C-alpha atoms as a PDB file:
ATOM      1  CA  UNK A   1       0.000   0.000   0.000  1.00  0.00           C
ATOM      2  CA  UNK A   2       1.378   3.400  -0.965  1.00  0.00           C
ATOM      3  CA  UNK A   3       2.174   5.876   1.806  1.00  0.00           C
ATOM      4  CA  UNK A   4       4.130   9.066   2.479  1.00  0.00           C
ATOM      5  CA  UNK A   5       6.978   9.590   4.932  1.00  0.00           C
ATOM      6  CA  UNK A   6       9.546  12.273   5.715  1.00  0.00           C
ATOM      7  CA  UNK A   7      13.118  11.565   4.612  1.00  0.00           C
ATOM      8  CA  UNK A   8      14.740  13.367   7.565  1.00  0.00           C
ATOM      9  CA  UNK A   9      12.703  11.910  10.447  1.00  0.00           C
ATOM     10  CA  UNK A  10      11.437   8.696   8.773  1.00  0.00           C
ATOM     11  CA  UNK A  11       8.048   9.568  10.300  1.00  0.00           C
ATOM     12  CA  UNK A  12       4.918   8.620   8.318  1.00  0.00           C
ATOM     13  CA  UNK A  13       3.026  11.666   7.026  1.00  0.00           C
ATOM     14  CA  UNK A  14      -0.776  11.828   7.114  1.00  0.00           C
ATOM     15  CA  UNK A  15      -0.918  15.630   6.829  1.00  0.00           C
ATOM     16  CA  UNK A  16       1.383  17.983   4.957  1.00  0.00           C
ATOM     17  CA  UNK A  17       1.967  20.847   7.380  1.00  0.00           C
ATOM     18  CA  UNK A  18       3.441  24.020   5.885  1.00  0.00           C
ATOM     19  CA  UNK A  19       4.823  27.290   7.197  1.00  0.00           C
ATOM     20  CA  UNK A  20       4.332  30.632   5.496  1.00  0.00           C
ATOM     21  CA  UNK A  21       7.157  29.643   3.087  1.00  0.00           C
ATOM     22  CA  UNK A  22       4.708  27.270   1.358  1.00  0.00           C
ATOM     23  CA  UNK A  23       7.431  24.623   0.929  1.00  0.00           C
ATOM     24  CA  UNK A  24       7.156  20.891   1.546  1.00  0.00           C
ATOM     25  CA  UNK A  25       9.090  17.673   1.113  1.00  0.00           C
ATOM     26  CA  UNK A  26       8.144  14.003   1.323  1.00  0.00           C
ATOM     27  CA  UNK A  27       8.875  10.505   0.074  1.00  0.00           C
ATOM     28  CA  UNK A  28       6.314   8.281  -1.607  1.00  0.00           C
ATOM     29  CA  UNK A  29       6.831   4.596  -0.851  1.00  0.00           C
ATOM     30  CA  UNK A  30       5.029   1.393  -1.736  1.00  0.00           C
ATOM     31  CA  UNK A  31       3.998   2.664  -5.182  1.00  0.00           C
ATOM     32  CA  UNK A  32       3.908   0.362  -8.249  1.00  0.00           C
ATOM     33  CA  UNK A  33       7.417   0.050  -9.673  1.00  0.00           C
ATOM     34  CA  UNK A  34       8.100   0.343 -13.389  1.00  0.00           C
ATOM     35  CA  UNK A  35      11.439  -0.204 -15.120  1.00  0.00           C
ATOM     36  CA  UNK A  36      10.272   2.191 -17.855  1.00  0.00           C
ATOM     37  CA  UNK A  37      10.064   5.039 -15.351  1.00  0.00           C
ATOM     38  CA  UNK A  38       6.375   5.687 -15.980  1.00  0.00           C
ATOM     39  CA  UNK A  39       5.307   4.664 -12.462  1.00  0.00           C
ATOM     40  CA  UNK A  40       3.667   6.771  -9.751  1.00  0.00           C
ATOM     41  CA  UNK A  41       3.543  10.542  -9.843  1.00  0.00           C
ATOM     42  CA  UNK A  42       2.753  13.124  -7.154  1.00  0.00           C
ATOM     43  CA  UNK A  43       0.932  16.400  -7.735  1.00  0.00           C
ATOM     44  CA  UNK A  44      -0.968  19.178  -5.948  1.00  0.00           C
ATOM     45  CA  UNK A  45      -4.748  19.027  -6.334  1.00  0.00           C
ATOM     46  CA  UNK A  46      -7.600  21.270  -5.158  1.00  0.00           C
ATOM     47  CA  UNK A  47      -5.332  24.270  -4.742  1.00  0.00           C
ATOM     48  CA  UNK A  48      -2.114  25.947  -5.807  1.00  0.00           C
ATOM     49  CA  UNK A  49       1.448  24.710  -5.625  1.00  0.00           C
ATOM     50  CA  UNK A  50       4.024  22.790  -7.622  1.00  0.00           C
ATOM     51  CA  UNK A  51       5.429  19.272  -7.089  1.00  0.00           C
ATOM     52  CA  UNK A  52       8.883  18.389  -8.427  1.00  0.00           C
ATOM     53  CA  UNK A  53      10.615  15.016  -8.327  1.00  0.00           C
ATOM     54  CA  UNK A  54      14.106  15.110  -6.795  1.00  0.00           C
ATOM     55  CA  UNK A  55      16.919  12.621  -6.311  1.00  0.00           C
ATOM     56  CA  UNK A  56      16.459  10.117  -3.483  1.00  0.00           C
ATOM     57  CA  UNK A  57      19.668   8.408  -2.369  1.00  0.00           C
ATOM     58  CA  UNK A  58      19.416   4.614  -2.451  1.00  0.00           C
ATOM     59  CA  UNK A  59      15.682   4.474  -3.208  1.00  0.00           C
ATOM     60  CA  UNK A  60      13.818   1.207  -2.758  1.00  0.00           C
ATOM     61  CA  UNK A  61      11.417  -0.225  -5.348  1.00  0.00           C
ATOM     62  CA  UNK A  62       8.486   2.152  -5.747  1.00  0.00           C
ATOM     63  CA  UNK A  63      10.113   4.976  -3.730  1.00  0.00           C
ATOM     64  CA  UNK A  64      10.428   8.552  -4.969  1.00  0.00           C
ATOM     65  CA  UNK A  65      11.121  11.909  -3.316  1.00  0.00           C
ATOM     66  CA  UNK A  66       9.190  15.082  -4.055  1.00  0.00           C
ATOM     67  CA  UNK A  67       9.585  18.720  -3.088  1.00  0.00           C
ATOM     68  CA  UNK A  68       6.796  21.279  -3.141  1.00  0.00           C
ATOM     69  CA  UNK A  69       6.701  25.044  -3.547  1.00  0.00           C
ATOM     70  CA  UNK A  70       3.888  27.566  -3.385  1.00  0.00           C
ATOM     71  CA  UNK A  71       1.606  25.349  -1.282  1.00  0.00           C
ATOM     72  CA  UNK A  72      -1.485  26.783   0.370  1.00  0.00           C
ATOM     73  CA  UNK A  73      -3.758  25.329   3.083  1.00  0.00           C
ATOM     74  CA  UNK A  74      -6.770  23.277   1.940  1.00  0.00           C
ATOM     75  CA  UNK A  75      -4.840  21.828  -1.003  1.00  0.00           C
ATOM     76  CA  UNK A  76      -4.332  18.074  -1.419  1.00  0.00           C
ATOM     77  CA  UNK A  77      -1.161  16.110  -2.116  1.00  0.00           C
ATOM     78  CA  UNK A  78      -2.151  13.361  -4.540  1.00  0.00           C
ATOM     79  CA  UNK A  79      -0.194  10.268  -5.623  1.00  0.00           C
ATOM     80  CA  UNK A  80      -1.412   8.366  -8.679  1.00  0.00           C
ATOM     81  CA  UNK A  81      -0.142   5.428 -10.723  1.00  0.00           C
ATOM     82  CA  UNK A  82       0.484   5.329 -14.495  1.00  0.00           C
ATOM     83  CA  UNK A  83      -3.249   4.716 -15.063  1.00  0.00           C
ATOM     84  CA  UNK A  84      -4.230   7.708 -12.888  1.00  0.00           C
ATOM     85  CA  UNK A  85      -5.556   5.504 -10.103  1.00  0.00           C
ATOM     86  CA  UNK A  86      -5.286   7.262  -6.740  1.00  0.00           C
ATOM     87  CA  UNK A  87      -2.663   5.580  -4.549  1.00  0.00           C
ATOM     88  CA  UNK A  88      -2.622   8.018  -1.633  1.00  0.00           C
ATOM     89  CA  UNK A  89      -3.839  11.523  -0.813  1.00  0.00           C
ATOM     90  CA  UNK A  90      -3.246  13.765   2.201  1.00  0.00           C
ATOM     91  CA  UNK A  91      -4.419  17.297   3.099  1.00  0.00           C
ATOM     92  CA  UNK A  92      -2.255  20.410   3.305  1.00  0.00           C
ATOM     93  CA  UNK A  93      -2.640  22.417   6.529  1.00  0.00           C
ATOM     94  CA  UNK A  94      -0.971  25.425   8.113  1.00  0.00           C
ATOM     95  CA  UNK A  95       1.496  24.520  10.858  1.00  0.00           C
ATOM     96  CA  UNK A  96      -0.575  26.599  13.296  1.00  0.00           C
ATOM     97  CA  UNK A  97      -3.203  23.821  13.154  1.00  0.00           C
ATOM     98  CA  UNK A  98      -0.831  21.325  14.782  1.00  0.00           C
ATOM     99  CA  UNK A  99      -1.627  21.067  18.496  1.00  0.00           C
ATOM    100  CA  UNK A 100       1.966  21.324  19.738  1.00  0.00           C
ATOM    101  CA  UNK A 101       2.709  24.412  17.619  1.00  0.00           C
ATOM    102  CA  UNK A 102       0.052  26.405  19.460  1.00  0.00           C
ATOM    103  CA  UNK A 103       1.658  25.709  22.832  1.00  0.00           C
ATOM    104  CA  UNK A 104       5.175  26.271  21.472  1.00  0.00           C
ATOM    105  CA  UNK A 105       4.154  29.576  19.897  1.00  0.00           C
ATOM    106  CA  UNK A 106       2.660  30.769  23.181  1.00  0.00           C
ATOM    107  CA  UNK A 107       5.944  30.050  24.947  1.00  0.00           C
ATOM    108  CA  UNK A 108       7.945  31.871  22.263  1.00  0.00           C
ATOM    109  CA  UNK A 109       5.707  34.924  22.548  1.00  0.00           C
ATOM    110  CA  UNK A 110       5.719  34.864  26.340  1.00  0.00           C
ATOM    111  CA  UNK A 111       8.425  36.163  28.675  1.00  0.00           C
ATOM    112  CA  UNK A 112       9.133  38.868  26.067  1.00  0.00           C
ATOM    113  CA  UNK A 113      10.964  36.395  23.796  1.00  0.00           C
ATOM    114  CA  UNK A 114       9.292  37.628  20.601  1.00  0.00           C
ATOM    115  CA  UNK A 115      10.582  34.697  18.529  1.00  0.00           C
ATOM    116  CA  UNK A 116       8.484  34.105  15.402  1.00  0.00           C
ATOM    117  CA  UNK A 117       9.215  30.441  14.690  1.00  0.00           C
ATOM    118  CA  UNK A 118       7.316  30.457  11.398  1.00  0.00           C
ATOM    119  CA  UNK A 119       9.867  32.890   9.942  1.00  0.00           C
ATOM    120  CA  UNK A 120      12.657  30.313  10.428  1.00  0.00           C
ATOM    121  CA  UNK A 121      10.974  27.250   8.843  1.00  0.00           C
ATOM    122  CA  UNK A 122      11.860  26.258   5.265  1.00  0.00           C
ATOM    123  CA  UNK A 123       9.681  23.147   5.358  1.00  0.00           C
ATOM    124  CA  UNK A 124       8.068  21.084   8.109  1.00  0.00           C
ATOM    125  CA  UNK A 125       9.289  17.499   8.550  1.00  0.00           C
ATOM    126  CA  UNK A 126       6.978  16.357  11.350  1.00  0.00           C
ATOM    127  CA  UNK A 127       4.334  17.972  13.558  1.00  0.00           C
ATOM    128  CA  UNK A 128       2.633  16.358  16.546  1.00  0.00           C
ATOM    129  CA  UNK A 129      -0.376  17.338  18.620  1.00  0.00           C
ATOM    130  CA  UNK A 130       1.658  16.313  21.690  1.00  0.00           C
ATOM    131  CA  UNK A 131       3.665  19.111  23.310  1.00  0.00           C
ATOM    132  CA  UNK A 132       6.508  16.773  24.326  1.00  0.00           C
ATOM    133  CA  UNK A 133       6.979  15.672  20.679  1.00  0.00           C
ATOM    134  CA  UNK A 134       6.598  19.114  19.125  1.00  0.00           C
ATOM    135  CA  UNK A 135       7.655  19.838  15.560  1.00  0.00           C
ATOM    136  CA  UNK A 136      10.682  19.084  13.380  1.00  0.00           C
ATOM    137  CA  UNK A 137      11.693  21.197  10.401  1.00  0.00           C
ATOM    138  CA  UNK A 138      14.493  22.194   8.056  1.00  0.00           C
ATOM    139  CA  UNK A 139      15.497  25.783   8.933  1.00  0.00           C
ATOM    140  CA  UNK A 140      15.974  28.545   6.416  1.00  0.00           C
ATOM    141  CA  UNK A 141      19.155  29.645   8.184  1.00  0.00           C
ATOM    142  CA  UNK A 142      20.864  27.882  11.088  1.00  0.00           C
ATOM    143  CA  UNK A 143      22.721  31.050  12.051  1.00  0.00           C
ATOM    144  CA  UNK A 144      19.604  33.216  12.176  1.00  0.00           C
ATOM    145  CA  UNK A 145      17.696  30.613  14.202  1.00  0.00           C
ATOM    146  CA  UNK A 146      20.560  30.271  16.699  1.00  0.00           C
ATOM    147  CA  UNK A 147      20.775  34.050  16.993  1.00  0.00           C
ATOM    148  CA  UNK A 148      17.030  34.359  17.634  1.00  0.00           C
ATOM    149  CA  UNK A 149      17.201  31.773  20.433  1.00  0.00           C
ATOM    150  CA  UNK A 150      20.363  33.040  22.123  1.00  0.00           C
ATOM    151  CA  UNK A 151      19.300  36.692  21.881  1.00  0.00           C
ATOM    152  CA  UNK A 152      16.372  35.982  24.217  1.00  0.00           C
ATOM    153  CA  UNK A 153      18.929  35.251  26.995  1.00  0.00           C
ATOM    154  CA  UNK A 154      16.421  32.750  28.385  1.00  0.00           C
ATOM    155  CA  UNK A 155      17.998  29.579  26.986  1.00  0.00           C
ATOM    156  CA  UNK A 156      20.985  27.570  28.146  1.00  0.00           C
ATOM    157  CA  UNK A 157      23.029  25.579  25.649  1.00  0.00           C
ATOM    158  CA  UNK A 158      23.160  21.871  26.509  1.00  0.00           C
ATOM    159  CA  UNK A 159      26.538  21.125  28.028  1.00  0.00           C
ATOM    160  CA  UNK A 160      27.517  17.680  26.754  1.00  0.00           C
ATOM    161  CA  UNK A 161      30.597  17.722  29.000  1.00  0.00           C
ATOM    162  CA  UNK A 162      28.247  17.542  32.009  1.00  0.00           C
ATOM    163  CA  UNK A 163      26.835  14.086  32.878  1.00  0.00           C
ATOM    164  CA  UNK A 164      23.182  15.155  33.090  1.00  0.00           C
ATOM    165  CA  UNK A 165      23.531  17.519  30.160  1.00  0.00           C
ATOM    166  CA  UNK A 166      25.026  14.709  28.072  1.00  0.00           C
ATOM    167  CA  UNK A 167      22.242  12.257  28.991  1.00  0.00           C
ATOM    168  CA  UNK A 168      19.459  14.813  28.526  1.00  0.00           C
ATOM    169  CA  UNK A 169      20.764  15.762  25.082  1.00  0.00           C
ATOM    170  CA  UNK A 170      21.643  12.230  23.946  1.00  0.00           C
ATOM    171  CA  UNK A 171      18.772  12.216  21.410  1.00  0.00           C
ATOM    172  CA  UNK A 172      19.396  15.799  20.265  1.00  0.00           C
ATOM    173  CA  UNK A 173      20.551  16.338  16.686  1.00  0.00           C
ATOM    174  CA  UNK A 174      22.923  19.301  16.494  1.00  0.00           C
ATOM    175  CA  UNK A 175      23.087  21.905  19.271  1.00  0.00           C
ATOM    176  CA  UNK A 176      20.467  21.860  22.018  1.00  0.00           C
ATOM    177  CA  UNK A 177      19.112  24.947  23.788  1.00  0.00           C
ATOM    178  CA  UNK A 178      16.886  24.526  26.850  1.00  0.00           C
ATOM    179  CA  UNK A 179      14.693  27.274  28.277  1.00  0.00           C
ATOM    180  CA  UNK A 180      15.440  27.871  31.946  1.00  0.00           C
ATOM    181  CA  UNK A 181      11.819  27.655  33.084  1.00  0.00           C
ATOM    182  CA  UNK A 182       8.995  25.217  33.674  1.00  0.00           C
ATOM    183  CA  UNK A 183       7.484  24.066  31.414  1.00  0.00           C
ATOM    184  CA  UNK A 184      10.570  24.591  29.264  1.00  0.00           C
ATOM    185  CA  UNK A 185      11.122  24.822  25.529  1.00  0.00           C
ATOM    186  CA  UNK A 186      13.844  22.556  24.183  1.00  0.00           C
ATOM    187  CA  UNK A 187      15.250  23.645  20.820  1.00  0.00           C
ATOM    188  CA  UNK A 188      17.626  21.504  18.741  1.00  0.00           C
ATOM    189  CA  UNK A 189      19.349  23.211  15.823  1.00  0.00           C
ATOM    190  CA  UNK A 190      21.260  21.731  12.896  1.00  0.00           C
ATOM    191  CA  UNK A 191      21.389  22.355   9.153  1.00  0.00           C
ATOM    192  CA  UNK A 192      19.878  18.917   8.402  1.00  0.00           C
ATOM    193  CA  UNK A 193      16.920  19.145  10.767  1.00  0.00           C
ATOM    194  CA  UNK A 194      15.885  21.299  13.727  1.00  0.00           C
ATOM    195  CA  UNK A 195      13.148  20.746  16.280  1.00  0.00           C
ATOM    196  CA  UNK A 196      11.230  22.353  19.139  1.00  0.00           C
ATOM    197  CA  UNK A 197       9.195  20.676  21.873  1.00  0.00           C
ATOM    198  CA  UNK A 198       8.101  21.397  25.432  1.00  0.00           C
ATOM    199  CA  UNK A 199       9.614  19.497  28.356  1.00  0.00           C
ATOM    200  CA  UNK A 200       7.220  19.038  31.279  1.00  0.00           C
ATOM    201  CA  UNK A 201      10.083  18.390  33.711  1.00  0.00           C
ATOM    202  CA  UNK A 202      12.448  21.324  34.113  1.00  0.00           C
ATOM    203  CA  UNK A 203      15.790  20.620  35.763  1.00  0.00           C
ATOM    204  CA  UNK A 204      17.891  23.684  34.963  1.00  0.00           C
ATOM    205  CA  UNK A 205      17.765  26.746  37.205  1.00  0.00           C
ATOM    206  CA  UNK A 206      19.777  29.894  37.817  1.00  0.00           C
ATOM    207  CA  UNK A 207      21.189  30.549  41.284  1.00  0.00           C
ATOM    208  CA  UNK A 208      21.152  34.121  42.661  1.00  0.00           C
ATOM    209  CA  UNK A 209      24.669  34.670  41.290  1.00  0.00           C
ATOM    210  CA  UNK A 210      23.641  33.462  37.819  1.00  0.00           C
ATOM    211  CA  UNK A 211      25.266  30.028  38.018  1.00  0.00           C
ATOM    212  CA  UNK A 212      23.345  27.258  36.276  1.00  0.00           C
ATOM    213  CA  UNK A 213      22.134  24.542  38.666  1.00  0.00           C
ATOM    214  CA  UNK A 214      21.051  21.031  37.655  1.00  0.00           C
ATOM    215  CA  UNK A 215      17.930  20.229  39.679  1.00  0.00           C
ATOM    216  CA  UNK A 216      16.881  16.838  41.083  1.00  0.00           C
ATOM    217  CA  UNK A 217      14.168  16.346  38.429  1.00  0.00           C
ATOM    218  CA  UNK A 218      16.875  15.617  35.839  1.00  0.00           C
ATOM    219  CA  UNK A 219      16.476  11.864  36.351  1.00  0.00           C
ATOM    220  CA  UNK A 220      12.688  11.998  35.897  1.00  0.00           C
ATOM    221  CA  UNK A 221      13.109  14.024  32.692  1.00  0.00           C
ATOM    222  CA  UNK A 222      15.736  11.707  31.193  1.00  0.00           C
ATOM    223  CA  UNK A 223      13.850   8.481  31.914  1.00  0.00           C
ATOM    224  CA  UNK A 224      10.284   9.706  31.239  1.00  0.00           C
ATOM    225  CA  UNK A 225      10.624  12.275  28.462  1.00  0.00           C
ATOM    226  CA  UNK A 226      13.664  10.882  26.659  1.00  0.00           C
ATOM    227  CA  UNK A 227      14.425   7.170  27.013  1.00  0.00           C
ATOM    228  CA  UNK A 228      10.800   6.048  27.415  1.00  0.00           C
ATOM    229  CA  UNK A 229       9.760   7.961  24.253  1.00  0.00           C
ATOM    230  CA  UNK A 230      12.428   6.574  21.917  1.00  0.00           C
ATOM    231  CA  UNK A 231      10.343   3.645  20.522  1.00  0.00           C
ATOM    232  CA  UNK A 232       7.431   5.840  19.395  1.00  0.00           C
ATOM    233  CA  UNK A 233       8.940   6.902  16.066  1.00  0.00           C
ATOM    234  CA  UNK A 234       9.819   3.271  15.293  1.00  0.00           C
ATOM    235  CA  UNK A 235       6.269   2.167  16.134  1.00  0.00           C
ATOM    236  CA  UNK A 236       4.669   4.782  13.875  1.00  0.00           C
ATOM    237  CA  UNK A 237       7.133   3.977  11.105  1.00  0.00           C
ATOM    238  CA  UNK A 238       6.103   0.320  11.258  1.00  0.00           C
ATOM    239  CA  UNK A 239       2.382   1.116  11.109  1.00  0.00           C
ATOM    240  CA  UNK A 240       1.699   0.688  14.821  1.00  0.00           C
ATOM    241  CA  UNK A 241       0.343   4.146  15.765  1.00  0.00           C
ATOM    242  CA  UNK A 242      -2.082   2.713  18.328  1.00  0.00           C
ATOM    243  CA  UNK A 243       0.756   1.182  20.368  1.00  0.00           C
ATOM    244  CA  UNK A 244       2.637   4.492  20.082  1.00  0.00           C
ATOM    245  CA  UNK A 245      -0.394   6.372  21.456  1.00  0.00           C
ATOM    246  CA  UNK A 246      -0.655   3.892  24.344  1.00  0.00           C
ATOM    247  CA  UNK A 247       3.019   4.449  25.145  1.00  0.00           C
ATOM    248  CA  UNK A 248       2.436   8.206  25.030  1.00  0.00           C
ATOM    249  CA  UNK A 249      -0.082   7.872  27.890  1.00  0.00           C
ATOM    250  CA  UNK A 250       2.371   5.968  30.116  1.00  0.00           C
ATOM    251  CA  UNK A 251       4.956   7.677  32.324  1.00  0.00           C
ATOM    252  CA  UNK A 252       7.602   6.075  34.538  1.00  0.00           C
ATOM    253  CA  UNK A 253       7.594   7.505  38.069  1.00  0.00           C
ATOM    254  CA  UNK A 254      10.836   8.222  39.914  1.00  0.00           C
ATOM    255  CA  UNK A 255      11.461  10.387  42.980  1.00  0.00           C
ATOM    256  CA  UNK A 256      10.511  13.863  41.709  1.00  0.00           C
ATOM    257  CA  UNK A 257       9.214  17.255  42.799  1.00  0.00           C
ATOM    258  CA  UNK A 258       5.548  16.201  42.518  1.00  0.00           C
ATOM    259  CA  UNK A 259       5.886  13.315  44.979  1.00  0.00           C
ATOM    260  CA  UNK A 260       8.282  15.132  47.278  1.00  0.00           C
ATOM    261  CA  UNK A 261      11.231  12.983  46.126  1.00  0.00           C
ATOM    262  CA  UNK A 262       9.898  10.013  48.040  1.00  0.00           C
ATOM    263  CA  UNK A 263      11.782   6.735  47.467  1.00  0.00           C
ATOM    264  CA  UNK A 264       9.157   5.326  45.079  1.00  0.00           C
ATOM    265  CA  UNK A 265       9.230   3.769  41.619  1.00  0.00           C
ATOM    266  CA  UNK A 266       6.216   3.024  39.447  1.00  0.00           C
ATOM    267  CA  UNK A 267       4.082   3.911  36.450  1.00  0.00           C
ATOM    268  CA  UNK A 268       1.568   6.676  35.771  1.00  0.00           C
ATOM    269  CA  UNK A 269      -1.238   6.645  33.193  1.00  0.00           C
ATOM    270  CA  UNK A 270      -2.559   9.998  31.915  1.00  0.00           C
ATOM    271  CA  UNK A 271      -5.740  10.225  29.841  1.00  0.00           C
ATOM    272  CA  UNK A 272      -8.079  12.886  28.491  1.00  0.00           C
ATOM    273  CA  UNK A 273      -5.755  15.861  28.003  1.00  0.00           C
ATOM    274  CA  UNK A 274      -6.342  18.530  25.350  1.00  0.00           C
ATOM    275  CA  UNK A 275      -3.832  20.996  23.902  1.00  0.00           C
ATOM    276  CA  UNK A 276      -5.818  24.185  23.371  1.00  0.00           C
ATOM    277  CA  UNK A 277      -4.011  25.768  26.319  1.00  0.00           C
ATOM    278  CA  UNK A 278      -1.652  24.678  29.103  1.00  0.00           C
ATOM    279  CA  UNK A 279      -4.439  24.239  31.662  1.00  0.00           C
ATOM    280  CA  UNK A 280      -6.576  22.091  29.396  1.00  0.00           C
ATOM    281  CA  UNK A 281      -3.491  20.181  28.308  1.00  0.00           C
ATOM    282  CA  UNK A 282      -3.291  18.698  31.781  1.00  0.00           C
ATOM    283  CA  UNK A 283      -4.712  15.195  31.968  1.00  0.00           C
ATOM    284  CA  UNK A 284      -8.279  14.844  33.168  1.00  0.00           C
ATOM    285  CA  UNK A 285      -7.802  11.301  34.461  1.00  0.00           C
ATOM    286  CA  UNK A 286      -4.616   9.886  35.986  1.00  0.00           C
ATOM    287  CA  UNK A 287      -3.820   6.577  37.610  1.00  0.00           C
ATOM    288  CA  UNK A 288      -0.516   5.985  39.354  1.00  0.00           C
ATOM    289  CA  UNK A 289       0.897   2.886  41.042  1.00  0.00           C
ATOM    290  CA  UNK A 290       4.229   3.071  42.863  1.00  0.00           C
ATOM    291  CA  UNK A 291       6.328   0.830  45.097  1.00  0.00           C
ATOM    292  CA  UNK A 292       8.428   2.066  48.008  1.00  0.00           C
ATOM    293  CA  UNK A 293      11.874   0.500  47.512  1.00  0.00           C
ATOM    294  CA  UNK A 294      13.240   1.128  51.025  1.00  0.00           C
ATOM    295  CA  UNK A 295      13.832  -1.850  53.340  1.00  0.00           C
ATOM    296  CA  UNK A 296      11.206  -0.797  55.861  1.00  0.00           C
ATOM    297  CA  UNK A 297       8.035   1.167  55.136  1.00  0.00           C
ATOM    298  CA  UNK A 298       4.464   1.416  56.365  1.00  0.00           C
ATOM    299  CA  UNK A 299       3.200   1.770  52.779  1.00  0.00           C
ATOM    300  CA  UNK A 300       4.869  -0.591  50.315  1.00  0.00           C
ATOM    301  CA  UNK A 301       2.421  -0.143  47.393  1.00  0.00           C
ATOM    302  CA  UNK A 302       0.296   2.926  46.668  1.00  0.00           C
ATOM    303  CA  UNK A 303      -2.302   3.229  43.899  1.00  0.00           C
ATOM    304  CA  UNK A 304      -3.969   6.596  43.311  1.00  0.00           C
ATOM    305  CA  UNK A 305      -6.653   7.533  40.785  1.00  0.00           C
ATOM    306  CA  UNK A 306      -7.480  11.218  40.204  1.00  0.00           C
ATOM    307  CA  UNK A 307     -10.289  12.786  38.174  1.00  0.00           C
ATOM    308  CA  UNK A 308      -9.889  16.529  37.506  1.00  0.00           C
ATOM    309  CA  UNK A 309     -13.399  18.012  37.520  1.00  0.00           C
ATOM    310  CA  UNK A 310     -12.737  21.765  37.139  1.00  0.00           C
ATOM    311  CA  UNK A 311      -9.696  24.035  36.941  1.00  0.00           C
ATOM    312  CA  UNK A 312      -8.998  27.699  36.277  1.00  0.00           C
ATOM    313  CA  UNK A 313      -6.322  30.323  35.882  1.00  0.00           C
ATOM    314  CA  UNK A 314      -3.920  31.630  33.279  1.00  0.00           C
ATOM    315  CA  UNK A 315      -4.056  29.343  30.190  1.00  0.00           C
ATOM    316  CA  UNK A 316      -0.283  29.717  29.712  1.00  0.00           C
ATOM    317  CA  UNK A 317       0.668  28.003  32.972  1.00  0.00           C
ATOM    318  CA  UNK A 318      -0.457  25.380  35.448  1.00  0.00           C
ATOM    319  CA  UNK A 319      -3.928  25.931  36.996  1.00  0.00           C
ATOM    320  CA  UNK A 320      -4.413  28.430  39.807  1.00  0.00           C
ATOM    321  CA  UNK A 321      -7.008  26.064  41.254  1.00  0.00           C
ATOM    322  CA  UNK A 322      -8.231  22.511  40.724  1.00  0.00           C
ATOM    323  CA  UNK A 323     -11.364  20.745  41.941  1.00  0.00           C
ATOM    324  CA  UNK A 324     -11.125  16.970  41.676  1.00  0.00           C
ATOM    325  CA  UNK A 325     -12.027  13.531  42.950  1.00  0.00           C
ATOM    326  CA  UNK A 326      -9.363  11.157  44.222  1.00  0.00           C
ATOM    327  CA  UNK A 327      -9.341   7.526  45.328  1.00  0.00           C
ATOM    328  CA  UNK A 328      -6.398   5.760  46.962  1.00  0.00           C
ATOM    329  CA  UNK A 329      -5.495   2.188  47.935  1.00  0.00           C
ATOM    330  CA  UNK A 330      -2.422   1.518  50.088  1.00  0.00           C
ATOM    331  CA  UNK A 331      -0.786  -1.822  50.872  1.00  0.00           C
ATOM    332  CA  UNK A 332       1.652  -2.492  53.690  1.00  0.00           C
ATOM    333  CA  UNK A 333       3.073  -5.522  51.888  1.00  0.00           C
ATOM    334  CA  UNK A 334       3.743  -6.614  48.298  1.00  0.00           C
ATOM    335  CA  UNK A 335       0.864  -9.123  48.336  1.00  0.00           C
ATOM    336  CA  UNK A 336      -1.596  -6.445  49.524  1.00  0.00           C
ATOM    337  CA  UNK A 337      -2.893  -8.549  52.417  1.00  0.00           C
ATOM    338  CA  UNK A 338      -3.071  -5.453  54.631  1.00  0.00           C
ATOM    339  CA  UNK A 339      -4.766  -2.579  52.793  1.00  0.00           C
ATOM    340  CA  UNK A 340      -6.466   0.735  53.433  1.00  0.00           C
ATOM    341  CA  UNK A 341      -8.740   2.675  51.054  1.00  0.00           C
ATOM    342  CA  UNK A 342      -9.956   6.259  50.842  1.00  0.00           C
ATOM    343  CA  UNK A 343     -12.009   8.462  48.515  1.00  0.00           C
ATOM    344  CA  UNK A 344     -12.150  12.243  48.745  1.00  0.00           C
ATOM    345  CA  UNK A 345     -13.269  15.384  46.953  1.00  0.00           C
ATOM    346  CA  UNK A 346     -10.411  17.878  46.986  1.00  0.00           C
ATOM    347  CA  UNK A 347      -9.767  21.518  46.138  1.00  0.00           C
ATOM    348  CA  UNK A 348      -6.233  22.713  45.506  1.00  0.00           C
ATOM    349  CA  UNK A 349      -5.291  26.378  45.039  1.00  0.00           C
ATOM    350  CA  UNK A 350      -1.806  27.689  44.287  1.00  0.00           C
ATOM    351  CA  UNK A 351      -0.410  31.191  44.111  1.00  0.00           C
ATOM    352  CA  UNK A 352       1.530  31.693  40.867  1.00  0.00           C
END
């Protein structure tokens, strides 16, 4: 079956996202192969734009690479065989319609950064609705993008000589720049491909004298938002998007700032989040099971389910208040022979 993917990320493409440049780039694979060279072709339908076939290094049977110029939203990318049978078609949309771009753009326009990401995108390689996956793109100019990020004076360049900096940037292509904030933007810049996403776990802070400090949430960030996410691209590439979405909802739990750095390890399931703003992006339903790994404890296993009913506050940050329902089961031993249960309605208000 014919399909489209991006040559830089190897991600399957179901939507052609474009910036204001109107450029695009993709690979058609699985098309009928013809030794005469009259096989599949790709064109722009229902709109304006031009498709041009370009050289693909080491192409497989039925693979071809295409670049696009002058694209507009609401067009369609259409692949047909030599008999004009439709093999595959996908819509063209503005990058602003991708869920993660909205959140990223809000961060770039907050804190007086004034970075217009759209101005730096030649063509989009991948765009996710998930903030922690973000977008990948080929930049118009590496130098201008680096200058825009560093000029904000709100980003710290990943220090690969530092242990935590090296681990946190192990999946970064090119130079990484991390916003010193929470949630924090993480920007990776190279001439081949650049990317931006939002890290939920911030671990870099400035001391009063300006020295950069690595916080104790570094371990949670590396395990949860880096290592645990690595298989998702492979799963989508091998036509297993459902398993990738299941993995996206799972989060390893280590000692972190949310649990008071208690000596607990476990798994957390988050469901029902939206991405229209930061508040609504928080999960509506969570379930977390952890095990206390110390030799002696009065609560060996803890399972907590939380349903967020209402929340309010600034849409660009965590809620000022939350009304929710929570149930908890605690076990004194691994076999849960001695348990205690509780259910409560709670209200939590914070001063931001």
